[in-house]
């Protein structure tokens, strides 16, 4: 099978076109586990399938994405930028702004003149039952005390089509992401598990985010996590509506346009290499 490796600020993906996957005898999930293995496969945080037949109704194009453990998330911000650049550069889509069908709904990326990709990520979801999160509160989970490994932390729950648990800290956010990520990902409060972001406020226009991704573990970046972190920061009165988000792999520009209640993410996506993967 022909594949392309891409990365968005360090979050890396294998991209395959659906027609490459006919008659291989493996499900997308099984293929993701095999190809994403960093020792026995190509190595990546996830596998992206371009234009699968069940995901392009009513949109310009569709995708499916699978984590390295074979699970299928609803959305991936860095992945969607890589996908957008791939289908535009390969001539699959011939316009710079288009619609993509995802499990989180219709996502609209735009290829900017400077090569970056700006993505309309939609509205942040705060209703607990839609995130989903099961806690004794009916409005929204903002600065909510939760016990993790006998330590009480204040969490914020936001969905960007996929669930996120955000914690603000003045300590070493990278170490806390490693410590709290595994516990919070599988905490009973999150019936579909959750991504975990540990956030340090640098200024009202800049934050630092370290990520434990559901189904992946520690990654260099998470686009939906950056969006969810900014939403939580704004709701807690910690930042302005437009924020630079520093992640281990690079920086994203996130803007919460309150006039339309949508978050917009702008960042890079890069081709790494192409090759053939052999199924034996």
C-alpha atoms as a PDB file:
ATOM      1  CA  UNK A   1       0.000   0.000   0.000  1.00  0.00           C
ATOM      2  CA  UNK A   2       1.188   3.518  -0.765  1.00  0.00           C
ATOM      3  CA  UNK A   3       1.144   5.830   2.258  1.00  0.00           C
ATOM      4  CA  UNK A   4       2.176   9.343   3.219  1.00  0.00           C
ATOM      5  CA  UNK A   5       3.589  10.410   6.575  1.00  0.00           C
ATOM      6  CA  UNK A   6       2.642  13.914   7.764  1.00  0.00           C
ATOM      7  CA  UNK A   7       2.974  15.879  10.962  1.00  0.00           C
ATOM      8  CA  UNK A   8       1.294  18.872  12.535  1.00  0.00           C
ATOM      9  CA  UNK A   9       3.548  20.482  15.179  1.00  0.00           C
ATOM     10  CA  UNK A  10       4.874  17.065  16.131  1.00  0.00           C
ATOM     11  CA  UNK A  11       1.593  15.139  16.109  1.00  0.00           C
ATOM     12  CA  UNK A  12       2.300  12.587  13.350  1.00  0.00           C
ATOM     13  CA  UNK A  13      -0.019  10.621  11.095  1.00  0.00           C
ATOM     14  CA  UNK A  14      -0.014   7.960   8.403  1.00  0.00           C
ATOM     15  CA  UNK A  15      -2.348   8.922   5.553  1.00  0.00           C
ATOM     16  CA  UNK A  16      -3.873   6.302   3.256  1.00  0.00           C
ATOM     17  CA  UNK A  17      -6.435   6.720   0.509  1.00  0.00           C
ATOM     18  CA  UNK A  18      -9.434   4.416   0.893  1.00  0.00           C
ATOM     19  CA  UNK A  19      -8.906   2.750  -2.476  1.00  0.00           C
ATOM     20  CA  UNK A  20      -5.531   1.476  -1.202  1.00  0.00           C
ATOM     21  CA  UNK A  21      -7.325  -0.539   1.481  1.00  0.00           C
ATOM     22  CA  UNK A  22      -9.528  -2.767  -0.635  1.00  0.00           C
ATOM     23  CA  UNK A  23      -9.179  -6.508  -0.024  1.00  0.00           C
ATOM     24  CA  UNK A  24      -6.365  -6.245   2.536  1.00  0.00           C
ATOM     25  CA  UNK A  25      -8.111  -8.472   5.082  1.00  0.00           C
ATOM     26  CA  UNK A  26      -7.639  -6.036   7.976  1.00  0.00           C
ATOM     27  CA  UNK A  27     -10.026  -3.547   9.558  1.00  0.00           C
ATOM     28  CA  UNK A  28      -8.997   0.116   9.786  1.00  0.00           C
ATOM     29  CA  UNK A  29      -8.497  -0.392  13.515  1.00  0.00           C
ATOM     30  CA  UNK A  30      -6.233  -3.412  13.052  1.00  0.00           C
ATOM     31  CA  UNK A  31      -4.275  -1.584  10.371  1.00  0.00           C
ATOM     32  CA  UNK A  32      -3.771   1.434  12.662  1.00  0.00           C
ATOM     33  CA  UNK A  33      -2.317  -0.747  15.428  1.00  0.00           C
ATOM     34  CA  UNK A  34       0.035  -2.412  12.978  1.00  0.00           C
ATOM     35  CA  UNK A  35       1.205   0.630  11.027  1.00  0.00           C
ATOM     36  CA  UNK A  36       1.462   3.070  13.945  1.00  0.00           C
ATOM     37  CA  UNK A  37       3.803   0.816  15.938  1.00  0.00           C
ATOM     38  CA  UNK A  38       7.073   2.742  16.160  1.00  0.00           C
ATOM     39  CA  UNK A  39       9.258  -0.371  16.137  1.00  0.00           C
ATOM     40  CA  UNK A  40       7.342  -2.844  13.994  1.00  0.00           C
ATOM     41  CA  UNK A  41       5.499  -0.449  11.677  1.00  0.00           C
ATOM     42  CA  UNK A  42       5.834   3.013  10.167  1.00  0.00           C
ATOM     43  CA  UNK A  43       5.285   4.778  13.484  1.00  0.00           C
ATOM     44  CA  UNK A  44       2.664   7.461  14.150  1.00  0.00           C
ATOM     45  CA  UNK A  45       0.142   8.813  16.630  1.00  0.00           C
ATOM     46  CA  UNK A  46      -2.677   7.887  14.280  1.00  0.00           C
ATOM     47  CA  UNK A  47      -3.881   6.585  10.922  1.00  0.00           C
ATOM     48  CA  UNK A  48      -6.010   8.774   8.636  1.00  0.00           C
ATOM     49  CA  UNK A  49      -8.138   7.296   5.837  1.00  0.00           C
ATOM     50  CA  UNK A  50      -8.969   9.648   2.946  1.00  0.00           C
ATOM     51  CA  UNK A  51     -12.485   9.571   1.524  1.00  0.00           C
ATOM     52  CA  UNK A  52     -13.837   6.329   3.007  1.00  0.00           C
ATOM     53  CA  UNK A  53     -17.124   5.429   1.273  1.00  0.00           C
ATOM     54  CA  UNK A  54     -19.204   5.766   4.447  1.00  0.00           C
ATOM     55  CA  UNK A  55     -18.043   9.296   5.387  1.00  0.00           C
ATOM     56  CA  UNK A  56     -18.480  11.669   2.446  1.00  0.00           C
ATOM     57  CA  UNK A  57     -22.215  12.237   2.218  1.00  0.00           C
ATOM     58  CA  UNK A  58     -23.124  15.924   1.949  1.00  0.00           C
ATOM     59  CA  UNK A  59     -19.507  17.175   2.215  1.00  0.00           C
ATOM     60  CA  UNK A  60     -16.729  17.882  -0.228  1.00  0.00           C
ATOM     61  CA  UNK A  61     -14.808  14.949   1.262  1.00  0.00           C
ATOM     62  CA  UNK A  62     -14.775  12.619   4.254  1.00  0.00           C
ATOM     63  CA  UNK A  63     -12.214  11.036   6.546  1.00  0.00           C
ATOM     64  CA  UNK A  64     -11.791   8.551   9.338  1.00  0.00           C
ATOM     65  CA  UNK A  65      -9.027   8.637  11.910  1.00  0.00           C
ATOM     66  CA  UNK A  66      -7.735   5.958  14.280  1.00  0.00           C
ATOM     67  CA  UNK A  67      -5.420   6.279  17.265  1.00  0.00           C
ATOM     68  CA  UNK A  68      -2.313   4.140  17.545  1.00  0.00           C
ATOM     69  CA  UNK A  69      -4.220   1.743  19.844  1.00  0.00           C
ATOM     70  CA  UNK A  70      -6.917   1.200  17.196  1.00  0.00           C
ATOM     71  CA  UNK A  71      -9.621   3.319  18.821  1.00  0.00           C
ATOM     72  CA  UNK A  72     -11.513   5.830  16.677  1.00  0.00           C
ATOM     73  CA  UNK A  73     -11.802   9.383  18.045  1.00  0.00           C
ATOM     74  CA  UNK A  74     -14.470  11.769  16.838  1.00  0.00           C
ATOM     75  CA  UNK A  75     -11.978  14.482  15.822  1.00  0.00           C
ATOM     76  CA  UNK A  76      -8.313  15.471  15.739  1.00  0.00           C
ATOM     77  CA  UNK A  77      -7.254  19.066  15.193  1.00  0.00           C
ATOM     78  CA  UNK A  78      -3.674  18.446  14.063  1.00  0.00           C
ATOM     79  CA  UNK A  79      -4.831  15.516  11.963  1.00  0.00           C
ATOM     80  CA  UNK A  80      -7.467  17.582  10.196  1.00  0.00           C
ATOM     81  CA  UNK A  81      -4.842  20.158   9.164  1.00  0.00           C
ATOM     82  CA  UNK A  82      -2.616  17.403   7.747  1.00  0.00           C
ATOM     83  CA  UNK A  83      -5.607  15.892   5.983  1.00  0.00           C
ATOM     84  CA  UNK A  84      -6.626  19.271   4.518  1.00  0.00           C
ATOM     85  CA  UNK A  85      -3.145  19.957   3.170  1.00  0.00           C
ATOM     86  CA  UNK A  86      -2.876  16.409   1.779  1.00  0.00           C
ATOM     87  CA  UNK A  87      -6.115  16.469  -0.215  1.00  0.00           C
ATOM     88  CA  UNK A  88      -5.402  19.977  -1.533  1.00  0.00           C
ATOM     89  CA  UNK A  89      -1.757  19.342  -2.508  1.00  0.00           C
ATOM     90  CA  UNK A  90      -2.637  15.977  -4.107  1.00  0.00           C
ATOM     91  CA  UNK A  91      -5.382  17.618  -6.211  1.00  0.00           C
ATOM     92  CA  UNK A  92      -8.174  15.576  -4.619  1.00  0.00           C
ATOM     93  CA  UNK A  93      -9.815  18.886  -3.666  1.00  0.00           C
ATOM     94  CA  UNK A  94      -9.365  21.868  -5.977  1.00  0.00           C
ATOM     95  CA  UNK A  95     -10.428  24.710  -3.662  1.00  0.00           C
ATOM     96  CA  UNK A  96      -8.745  26.221  -0.622  1.00  0.00           C
ATOM     97  CA  UNK A  97     -11.817  26.206   1.614  1.00  0.00           C
ATOM     98  CA  UNK A  98     -13.951  23.074   1.795  1.00  0.00           C
ATOM     99  CA  UNK A  99     -16.037  20.825   4.022  1.00  0.00           C
ATOM    100  CA  UNK A 100     -14.998  17.547   5.656  1.00  0.00           C
ATOM    101  CA  UNK A 101     -17.419  14.992   7.125  1.00  0.00           C
ATOM    102  CA  UNK A 102     -16.181  13.758  10.525  1.00  0.00           C
ATOM    103  CA  UNK A 103     -17.746  11.904  13.438  1.00  0.00           C
ATOM    104  CA  UNK A 104     -17.837  15.299  15.191  1.00  0.00           C
ATOM    105  CA  UNK A 105     -19.849  16.861  12.361  1.00  0.00           C
ATOM    106  CA  UNK A 106     -18.832  19.023   9.411  1.00  0.00           C
ATOM    107  CA  UNK A 107     -15.406  20.679   9.768  1.00  0.00           C
ATOM    108  CA  UNK A 108     -14.307  23.537   7.480  1.00  0.00           C
ATOM    109  CA  UNK A 109     -10.569  24.061   6.866  1.00  0.00           C
ATOM    110  CA  UNK A 110      -9.022  26.806   4.745  1.00  0.00           C
ATOM    111  CA  UNK A 111      -5.560  26.743   3.150  1.00  0.00           C
ATOM    112  CA  UNK A 112      -4.104  30.226   3.709  1.00  0.00           C
ATOM    113  CA  UNK A 113      -1.773  32.019   1.312  1.00  0.00           C
ATOM    114  CA  UNK A 114       1.130  31.620   3.766  1.00  0.00           C
ATOM    115  CA  UNK A 115       0.699  27.837   3.706  1.00  0.00           C
ATOM    116  CA  UNK A 116      -0.852  27.533   7.134  1.00  0.00           C
ATOM    117  CA  UNK A 117      -4.268  25.979   7.629  1.00  0.00           C
ATOM    118  CA  UNK A 118      -7.075  27.757   9.451  1.00  0.00           C
ATOM    119  CA  UNK A 119      -9.831  25.463  10.674  1.00  0.00           C
ATOM    120  CA  UNK A 120     -13.321  26.312  11.865  1.00  0.00           C
ATOM    121  CA  UNK A 121     -13.439  23.877  14.794  1.00  0.00           C
ATOM    122  CA  UNK A 122     -17.037  24.647  15.711  1.00  0.00           C
ATOM    123  CA  UNK A 123     -18.493  25.561  19.089  1.00  0.00           C
ATOM    124  CA  UNK A 124     -17.114  24.263  22.377  1.00  0.00           C
ATOM    125  CA  UNK A 125     -19.522  21.796  23.988  1.00  0.00           C
ATOM    126  CA  UNK A 126     -19.993  22.399  27.706  1.00  0.00           C
ATOM    127  CA  UNK A 127     -23.095  20.366  28.557  1.00  0.00           C
ATOM    128  CA  UNK A 128     -21.901  17.439  30.721  1.00  0.00           C
ATOM    129  CA  UNK A 129     -24.112  14.818  29.058  1.00  0.00           C
ATOM    130  CA  UNK A 130     -22.825  15.797  25.606  1.00  0.00           C
ATOM    131  CA  UNK A 131     -19.113  15.726  26.517  1.00  0.00           C
ATOM    132  CA  UNK A 132     -19.822  13.187  28.155  1.00  0.00           C
ATOM    133  CA  UNK A 133     -18.893  13.525  31.815  1.00  0.00           C
ATOM    134  CA  UNK A 134     -20.797  12.056  34.757  1.00  0.00           C
ATOM    135  CA  UNK A 135     -20.510  14.365  37.755  1.00  0.00           C
ATOM    136  CA  UNK A 136     -23.011  15.836  40.186  1.00  0.00           C
ATOM    137  CA  UNK A 137     -23.565  19.069  38.310  1.00  0.00           C
ATOM    138  CA  UNK A 138     -26.107  19.939  35.632  1.00  0.00           C
ATOM    139  CA  UNK A 139     -24.796  23.162  34.060  1.00  0.00           C
ATOM    140  CA  UNK A 140     -21.106  22.862  33.107  1.00  0.00           C
ATOM    141  CA  UNK A 141     -17.952  21.445  34.635  1.00  0.00           C
ATOM    142  CA  UNK A 142     -15.744  24.485  35.216  1.00  0.00           C
ATOM    143  CA  UNK A 143     -13.175  24.565  38.062  1.00  0.00           C
ATOM    144  CA  UNK A 144     -14.785  21.446  39.530  1.00  0.00           C
ATOM    145  CA  UNK A 145     -12.996  19.585  42.381  1.00  0.00           C
ATOM    146  CA  UNK A 146     -12.188  15.957  41.566  1.00  0.00           C
ATOM    147  CA  UNK A 147     -10.089  13.414  43.430  1.00  0.00           C
ATOM    148  CA  UNK A 148      -7.312  11.715  41.454  1.00  0.00           C
ATOM    149  CA  UNK A 149      -5.003   9.251  43.245  1.00  0.00           C
ATOM    150  CA  UNK A 150      -6.007  10.763  46.598  1.00  0.00           C
ATOM    151  CA  UNK A 151      -5.115  14.248  45.325  1.00  0.00           C
ATOM    152  CA  UNK A 152      -7.841  16.806  44.728  1.00  0.00           C
ATOM    153  CA  UNK A 153      -7.561  18.758  41.489  1.00  0.00           C
ATOM    154  CA  UNK A 154      -9.923  21.238  39.881  1.00  0.00           C
ATOM    155  CA  UNK A 155     -10.956  20.102  36.414  1.00  0.00           C
ATOM    156  CA  UNK A 156     -12.691  21.705  33.442  1.00  0.00           C
ATOM    157  CA  UNK A 157     -14.597  19.526  30.987  1.00  0.00           C
ATOM    158  CA  UNK A 158     -14.985  20.636  27.367  1.00  0.00           C
ATOM    159  CA  UNK A 159     -15.755  18.736  24.175  1.00  0.00           C
ATOM    160  CA  UNK A 160     -14.542  19.759  20.742  1.00  0.00           C
ATOM    161  CA  UNK A 161     -16.338  16.770  19.252  1.00  0.00           C
ATOM    162  CA  UNK A 162     -14.131  14.672  21.547  1.00  0.00           C
ATOM    163  CA  UNK A 163     -13.873  14.926  25.362  1.00  0.00           C
ATOM    164  CA  UNK A 164     -11.209  16.952  27.162  1.00  0.00           C
ATOM    165  CA  UNK A 165     -10.310  17.392  30.812  1.00  0.00           C
ATOM    166  CA  UNK A 166      -8.324  20.575  31.464  1.00  0.00           C
ATOM    167  CA  UNK A 167      -6.347  21.349  34.621  1.00  0.00           C
ATOM    168  CA  UNK A 168      -4.630  24.680  35.325  1.00  0.00           C
ATOM    169  CA  UNK A 169      -1.378  24.661  37.260  1.00  0.00           C
ATOM    170  CA  UNK A 170       1.604  26.801  38.218  1.00  0.00           C
ATOM    171  CA  UNK A 171       3.800  23.698  38.514  1.00  0.00           C
ATOM    172  CA  UNK A 172       5.652  21.685  35.853  1.00  0.00           C
ATOM    173  CA  UNK A 173       2.838  20.941  33.393  1.00  0.00           C
ATOM    174  CA  UNK A 174       4.789  18.286  31.488  1.00  0.00           C
ATOM    175  CA  UNK A 175       5.426  16.197  34.599  1.00  0.00           C
ATOM    176  CA  UNK A 176       1.831  16.549  35.773  1.00  0.00           C
ATOM    177  CA  UNK A 177       0.526  15.437  32.353  1.00  0.00           C
ATOM    178  CA  UNK A 178       2.540  12.222  32.707  1.00  0.00           C
ATOM    179  CA  UNK A 179       1.365  11.763  36.298  1.00  0.00           C
ATOM    180  CA  UNK A 180      -2.323  12.610  36.006  1.00  0.00           C
ATOM    181  CA  UNK A 181      -2.973  11.738  32.364  1.00  0.00           C
ATOM    182  CA  UNK A 182      -3.340   7.947  32.726  1.00  0.00           C
ATOM    183  CA  UNK A 183      -5.581   8.292  35.796  1.00  0.00           C
ATOM    184  CA  UNK A 184      -7.853  10.966  34.361  1.00  0.00           C
ATOM    185  CA  UNK A 185      -8.122   9.355  30.912  1.00  0.00           C
ATOM    186  CA  UNK A 186      -9.838   6.337  32.471  1.00  0.00           C
ATOM    187  CA  UNK A 187     -11.520   8.090  35.421  1.00  0.00           C
ATOM    188  CA  UNK A 188     -15.083   6.826  36.020  1.00  0.00           C
ATOM    189  CA  UNK A 189     -16.368  10.373  35.509  1.00  0.00           C
ATOM    190  CA  UNK A 190     -15.575  10.022  31.775  1.00  0.00           C
ATOM    191  CA  UNK A 191     -17.569   7.095  30.338  1.00  0.00           C
ATOM    192  CA  UNK A 192     -15.877   7.395  26.917  1.00  0.00           C
ATOM    193  CA  UNK A 193     -12.475   8.165  28.491  1.00  0.00           C
ATOM    194  CA  UNK A 194     -10.977  11.612  27.949  1.00  0.00           C
ATOM    195  CA  UNK A 195      -8.022  13.573  26.642  1.00  0.00           C
ATOM    196  CA  UNK A 196      -6.152  15.413  29.386  1.00  0.00           C
ATOM    197  CA  UNK A 197      -4.544  18.854  29.114  1.00  0.00           C
ATOM    198  CA  UNK A 198      -2.393  20.358  31.867  1.00  0.00           C
ATOM    199  CA  UNK A 199      -2.176  24.107  31.286  1.00  0.00           C
ATOM    200  CA  UNK A 200       0.147  26.799  32.576  1.00  0.00           C
ATOM    201  CA  UNK A 201      -0.953  30.409  32.030  1.00  0.00           C
ATOM    202  CA  UNK A 202       1.975  32.477  30.697  1.00  0.00           C
ATOM    203  CA  UNK A 203      -0.004  35.667  30.032  1.00  0.00           C
ATOM    204  CA  UNK A 204      -3.504  36.695  29.049  1.00  0.00           C
ATOM    205  CA  UNK A 205      -2.501  35.990  25.430  1.00  0.00           C
ATOM    206  CA  UNK A 206      -0.288  32.920  25.801  1.00  0.00           C
ATOM    207  CA  UNK A 207      -0.576  29.528  27.486  1.00  0.00           C
ATOM    208  CA  UNK A 208       1.566  26.384  27.688  1.00  0.00           C
ATOM    209  CA  UNK A 209      -0.233  23.045  27.255  1.00  0.00           C
ATOM    210  CA  UNK A 210       0.998  19.491  27.820  1.00  0.00           C
ATOM    211  CA  UNK A 211      -1.226  16.702  26.574  1.00  0.00           C
ATOM    212  CA  UNK A 212      -2.088  13.138  27.455  1.00  0.00           C
ATOM    213  CA  UNK A 213      -4.168  11.945  24.494  1.00  0.00           C
ATOM    214  CA  UNK A 214      -6.881   9.347  24.842  1.00  0.00           C
ATOM    215  CA  UNK A 215      -5.644   6.197  23.142  1.00  0.00           C
ATOM    216  CA  UNK A 216      -2.115   7.559  22.541  1.00  0.00           C
ATOM    217  CA  UNK A 217      -0.565   8.765  25.791  1.00  0.00           C
ATOM    218  CA  UNK A 218       1.816  11.720  25.832  1.00  0.00           C
ATOM    219  CA  UNK A 219       1.975  13.450  22.434  1.00  0.00           C
ATOM    220  CA  UNK A 220       3.769  16.546  21.183  1.00  0.00           C
ATOM    221  CA  UNK A 221       0.521  18.344  20.362  1.00  0.00           C
ATOM    222  CA  UNK A 222      -3.271  18.160  20.257  1.00  0.00           C
ATOM    223  CA  UNK A 223      -5.304  20.617  18.192  1.00  0.00           C
ATOM    224  CA  UNK A 224      -8.680  19.937  19.779  1.00  0.00           C
ATOM    225  CA  UNK A 225      -6.936  20.011  23.167  1.00  0.00           C
ATOM    226  CA  UNK A 226      -5.507  23.450  22.405  1.00  0.00           C
ATOM    227  CA  UNK A 227      -9.007  24.666  21.513  1.00  0.00           C
ATOM    228  CA  UNK A 228     -10.559  23.134  24.630  1.00  0.00           C
ATOM    229  CA  UNK A 229      -7.798  24.632  26.808  1.00  0.00           C
ATOM    230  CA  UNK A 230      -8.427  28.126  25.449  1.00  0.00           C
ATOM    231  CA  UNK A 231     -12.181  27.748  25.977  1.00  0.00           C
ATOM    232  CA  UNK A 232     -11.585  26.693  29.585  1.00  0.00           C
ATOM    233  CA  UNK A 233      -9.081  29.511  30.150  1.00  0.00           C
ATOM    234  CA  UNK A 234     -11.514  32.131  28.834  1.00  0.00           C
ATOM    235  CA  UNK A 235     -14.368  30.725  30.932  1.00  0.00           C
ATOM    236  CA  UNK A 236     -12.174  30.951  34.025  1.00  0.00           C
ATOM    237  CA  UNK A 237     -11.242  34.562  33.211  1.00  0.00           C
ATOM    238  CA  UNK A 238      -7.564  33.672  32.743  1.00  0.00           C
ATOM    239  CA  UNK A 239      -6.973  34.780  29.135  1.00  0.00           C
ATOM    240  CA  UNK A 240      -8.322  36.872  26.290  1.00  0.00           C
ATOM    241  CA  UNK A 241     -10.342  35.286  23.453  1.00  0.00           C
ATOM    242  CA  UNK A 242      -7.302  35.019  21.136  1.00  0.00           C
ATOM    243  CA  UNK A 243      -4.380  33.031  22.497  1.00  0.00           C
ATOM    244  CA  UNK A 244      -1.085  31.537  21.362  1.00  0.00           C
ATOM    245  CA  UNK A 245      -0.900  27.959  22.608  1.00  0.00           C
ATOM    246  CA  UNK A 246       2.599  26.595  23.152  1.00  0.00           C
ATOM    247  CA  UNK A 247       2.768  22.806  22.890  1.00  0.00           C
ATOM    248  CA  UNK A 248       5.898  20.616  22.997  1.00  0.00           C
ATOM    249  CA  UNK A 249       5.822  20.278  19.187  1.00  0.00           C
ATOM    250  CA  UNK A 250       5.101  23.895  18.302  1.00  0.00           C
ATOM    251  CA  UNK A 251       2.586  26.739  18.530  1.00  0.00           C
ATOM    252  CA  UNK A 252      -1.050  27.096  17.475  1.00  0.00           C
ATOM    253  CA  UNK A 253      -3.109  30.281  17.221  1.00  0.00           C
ATOM    254  CA  UNK A 254      -6.560  29.775  18.742  1.00  0.00           C
ATOM    255  CA  UNK A 255      -9.364  32.331  18.601  1.00  0.00           C
ATOM    256  CA  UNK A 256     -12.791  32.027  20.216  1.00  0.00           C
ATOM    257  CA  UNK A 257     -15.027  34.263  18.100  1.00  0.00           C
ATOM    258  CA  UNK A 258     -17.872  34.923  20.497  1.00  0.00           C
ATOM    259  CA  UNK A 259     -19.981  36.592  17.793  1.00  0.00           C
ATOM    260  CA  UNK A 260     -20.507  33.189  16.155  1.00  0.00           C
ATOM    261  CA  UNK A 261     -19.495  31.078  19.192  1.00  0.00           C
ATOM    262  CA  UNK A 262     -16.834  29.208  17.243  1.00  0.00           C
ATOM    263  CA  UNK A 263     -13.193  28.365  17.851  1.00  0.00           C
ATOM    264  CA  UNK A 264     -10.721  28.861  14.997  1.00  0.00           C
ATOM    265  CA  UNK A 265      -7.369  27.066  14.956  1.00  0.00           C
ATOM    266  CA  UNK A 266      -4.455  28.153  12.753  1.00  0.00           C
ATOM    267  CA  UNK A 267      -1.241  26.161  12.379  1.00  0.00           C
ATOM    268  CA  UNK A 268       1.154  24.297  10.137  1.00  0.00           C
ATOM    269  CA  UNK A 269       1.049  20.842   8.554  1.00  0.00           C
ATOM    270  CA  UNK A 270       4.017  19.233   6.813  1.00  0.00           C
ATOM    271  CA  UNK A 271       4.758  16.277   4.574  1.00  0.00           C
ATOM    272  CA  UNK A 272       7.475  14.029   6.046  1.00  0.00           C
ATOM    273  CA  UNK A 273       7.897  11.136   3.612  1.00  0.00           C
ATOM    274  CA  UNK A 274       6.080   8.709   1.340  1.00  0.00           C
ATOM    275  CA  UNK A 275       6.536   4.975   0.928  1.00  0.00           C
ATOM    276  CA  UNK A 276       5.053   1.506   0.585  1.00  0.00           C
ATOM    277  CA  UNK A 277       3.792  -0.636   3.437  1.00  0.00           C
ATOM    278  CA  UNK A 278       3.655  -4.386   2.849  1.00  0.00           C
ATOM    279  CA  UNK A 279       0.863  -6.540   4.266  1.00  0.00           C
ATOM    280  CA  UNK A 280       2.118 -10.108   4.674  1.00  0.00           C
END
